[in-house]
Protein backbone atom coordinates (compact mmCIF):
# COMPACT_ATOMS: atom_id res chain seq x y z
CA MET A 1 -28.95 32.53 -18.17
CA ASN A 2 -31.70 30.45 -19.68
CA ASN A 3 -31.80 26.67 -19.64
CA ASP A 4 -30.99 26.39 -23.37
CA ASN A 5 -27.66 28.16 -22.88
CA SER A 6 -26.79 25.90 -19.95
CA GLU A 7 -27.42 22.82 -22.06
CA ILE A 8 -25.37 24.20 -24.95
CA LEU A 9 -22.48 25.11 -22.61
CA SER A 10 -22.59 21.68 -20.99
CA ALA A 11 -22.48 19.96 -24.39
CA LEU A 12 -19.60 22.17 -25.54
CA PHE A 13 -17.63 21.42 -22.36
CA ARG A 14 -18.10 17.68 -22.91
CA GLN A 15 -16.95 18.05 -26.51
CA CYS A 16 -13.88 20.07 -25.44
CA ILE A 17 -12.98 17.49 -22.80
CA SER A 18 -13.27 14.71 -25.37
CA LEU A 19 -11.10 16.58 -27.88
CA ILE A 20 -8.45 17.39 -25.27
CA SER A 21 -8.37 13.73 -24.25
CA ARG A 22 -8.03 12.61 -27.87
CA GLY A 23 -5.22 15.11 -28.42
CA ARG A 24 -3.34 13.93 -25.33
CA GLN A 25 -3.69 10.29 -26.40
CA LYS A 26 -2.49 11.14 -29.90
CA VAL A 27 0.60 12.90 -28.54
CA HIS A 28 1.24 10.06 -26.13
CA GLN A 29 0.94 7.37 -28.81
CA SER A 30 3.01 9.28 -31.36
CA LEU A 31 5.91 9.24 -28.90
CA GLY A 32 5.51 5.55 -28.13
CA GLY A 33 4.01 6.23 -24.73
CA VAL A 34 2.71 3.60 -22.38
CA PRO A 35 -1.04 2.98 -21.90
CA GLU A 36 -2.85 5.19 -19.38
CA GLY A 37 -2.87 2.62 -16.54
CA GLN A 38 0.88 2.24 -16.77
CA GLY A 39 1.22 6.00 -17.14
CA ARG A 40 -0.47 6.51 -13.76
CA ILE A 41 2.24 4.39 -12.17
CA LEU A 42 5.01 6.35 -13.87
CA ARG A 43 3.47 9.66 -12.78
CA GLU A 44 3.43 8.49 -9.16
CA LEU A 45 7.02 7.29 -9.38
CA LEU A 46 8.13 10.59 -10.90
CA GLN A 47 6.82 12.24 -7.73
CA THR A 48 8.12 9.59 -5.30
CA ASP A 49 10.67 7.31 -6.91
CA GLY A 50 11.42 4.10 -5.04
CA MET A 51 7.99 3.53 -3.51
CA SER A 52 7.21 0.03 -2.34
CA GLN A 53 4.74 -1.97 -4.40
CA LYS A 54 2.35 -1.94 -1.44
CA GLU A 55 2.53 1.88 -1.15
CA LEU A 56 2.02 2.22 -4.88
CA ALA A 57 -1.05 -0.04 -4.85
CA GLN A 58 -2.55 1.94 -1.97
CA LYS A 59 -1.79 5.31 -3.57
CA LEU A 60 -3.32 4.27 -6.90
CA GLN A 61 -6.16 2.38 -5.21
CA ILE A 62 -5.63 -0.78 -7.23
CA ARG A 63 -5.31 -4.39 -6.14
CA GLN A 64 -1.83 -5.84 -5.70
CA PRO A 65 -2.26 -8.50 -8.46
CA SER A 66 -3.36 -5.80 -10.94
CA LEU A 67 -0.38 -3.65 -10.00
CA THR A 68 1.99 -6.59 -10.40
CA GLU A 69 0.70 -7.18 -13.94
CA LEU A 70 1.19 -3.52 -14.88
CA LEU A 71 4.67 -3.47 -13.32
CA LEU A 72 5.69 -6.54 -15.33
CA LYS A 73 4.73 -4.73 -18.54
CA LEU A 74 6.60 -1.58 -17.52
CA GLU A 75 9.63 -3.60 -16.48
CA SER A 76 9.71 -5.55 -19.76
CA GLY A 77 9.51 -2.24 -21.65
CA GLY A 78 12.49 -0.88 -19.71
CA TYR A 79 10.49 1.87 -17.97
CA ILE A 80 10.96 0.70 -14.38
CA GLU A 81 13.09 -1.60 -12.35
CA ARG A 82 12.17 -3.37 -9.15
CA ARG A 83 14.68 -3.88 -6.38
CA GLN A 84 14.51 -5.70 -3.11
CA ASN A 85 14.53 -3.31 -0.16
CA LYS A 86 17.94 -3.30 1.55
CA ASN A 87 16.46 -3.11 5.05
CA ASP A 88 13.54 -5.50 4.61
CA LYS A 89 13.91 -8.28 2.05
CA ARG A 90 10.13 -8.81 2.00
CA ILE A 91 9.61 -5.39 0.42
CA THR A 92 10.13 -4.60 -3.27
CA ASN A 93 10.72 -0.99 -4.25
CA VAL A 94 9.95 0.36 -7.72
CA PHE A 95 12.19 2.86 -9.53
CA ILE A 96 11.85 4.66 -12.85
CA THR A 97 14.61 4.25 -15.40
CA ASP A 98 16.37 6.85 -17.53
CA LYS A 99 14.25 5.69 -20.49
CA SER A 100 11.09 6.53 -18.58
CA SER A 101 12.37 9.93 -17.47
CA GLU A 102 13.40 10.90 -20.99
CA GLN A 103 10.10 9.81 -22.49
CA ARG A 104 8.13 11.79 -19.91
CA LYS A 105 10.17 14.89 -20.83
CA GLN A 106 9.38 14.39 -24.53
CA ILE A 107 5.69 13.89 -23.80
CA GLY A 108 5.70 17.06 -21.67
CA ILE A 109 7.23 19.07 -24.52
CA ALA A 110 4.72 17.65 -27.02
CA ARG A 111 1.81 18.41 -24.67
CA GLN A 112 2.98 22.00 -24.30
CA LYS A 113 2.97 22.34 -28.08
CA MET A 114 -0.47 20.74 -28.22
CA SER A 115 -1.77 23.20 -25.61
CA HIS A 116 -0.40 26.11 -27.60
CA ASP A 117 -1.90 24.76 -30.84
CA MET A 118 -5.30 24.18 -29.21
CA PHE A 119 -5.80 27.86 -28.49
CA HIS A 120 -4.20 29.43 -31.55
CA ALA A 121 -7.68 30.28 -32.89
CA LEU A 122 -8.08 32.79 -30.03
CA THR A 123 -6.35 36.14 -29.80
CA ASP A 124 -4.29 36.89 -26.69
CA GLU A 125 -7.14 39.01 -25.34
CA GLU A 126 -9.67 36.22 -25.94
CA GLN A 127 -7.38 33.74 -24.19
CA VAL A 128 -7.16 36.04 -21.15
CA ALA A 129 -10.95 36.44 -21.15
CA LEU A 130 -11.40 32.65 -21.34
CA ILE A 131 -8.92 32.14 -18.50
CA ASN A 132 -10.87 34.60 -16.35
CA LEU A 133 -14.21 32.96 -17.15
CA LEU A 134 -12.91 29.46 -16.48
CA ASN A 135 -11.34 30.56 -13.19
CA LYS A 136 -14.69 32.04 -12.20
CA LEU A 137 -16.43 28.73 -12.98
CA VAL A 138 -13.82 26.64 -11.18
CA THR A 139 -14.13 28.82 -8.07
CA ALA A 140 -17.94 28.65 -8.09
CA TRP A 141 -18.03 24.90 -8.74
CA THR A 142 -15.43 24.22 -6.06
CA GLU A 143 -17.43 26.20 -3.48
CA GLU A 144 -20.62 24.38 -4.44
CA LEU A 145 -19.04 20.95 -4.25
CA ASP A 146 -17.14 21.58 -0.99
């Protein structure tokens, strides 16, 4: 492959990534979703509900004061609730609420529709070919970076 093709492919990948990101943000905002920083917290809690604030800060690699600010916003929006740990009163655990769970389901459904709509311009055969090509790239890039 010549250098010109590599540059064109790289530019097209960047453009695709940007468009996918814009589409995800649009879906998220249309459903009244929380900003990305708060969304990271909700995603972690969906995997491990009831984490302590300290665990959450470590997992997300953010400072405790920054986490506290984000948690206050989520709590005021009704997305989480904080409860004092029953065994150690110094620890505060964070839990998602039903509102948060329901919204995440709606966002998931909307993202599935968006994914389907993104590739409607390709036939089934073209989609399979693209999947195979992207898998080949991911495998090669992973081996190179590891």
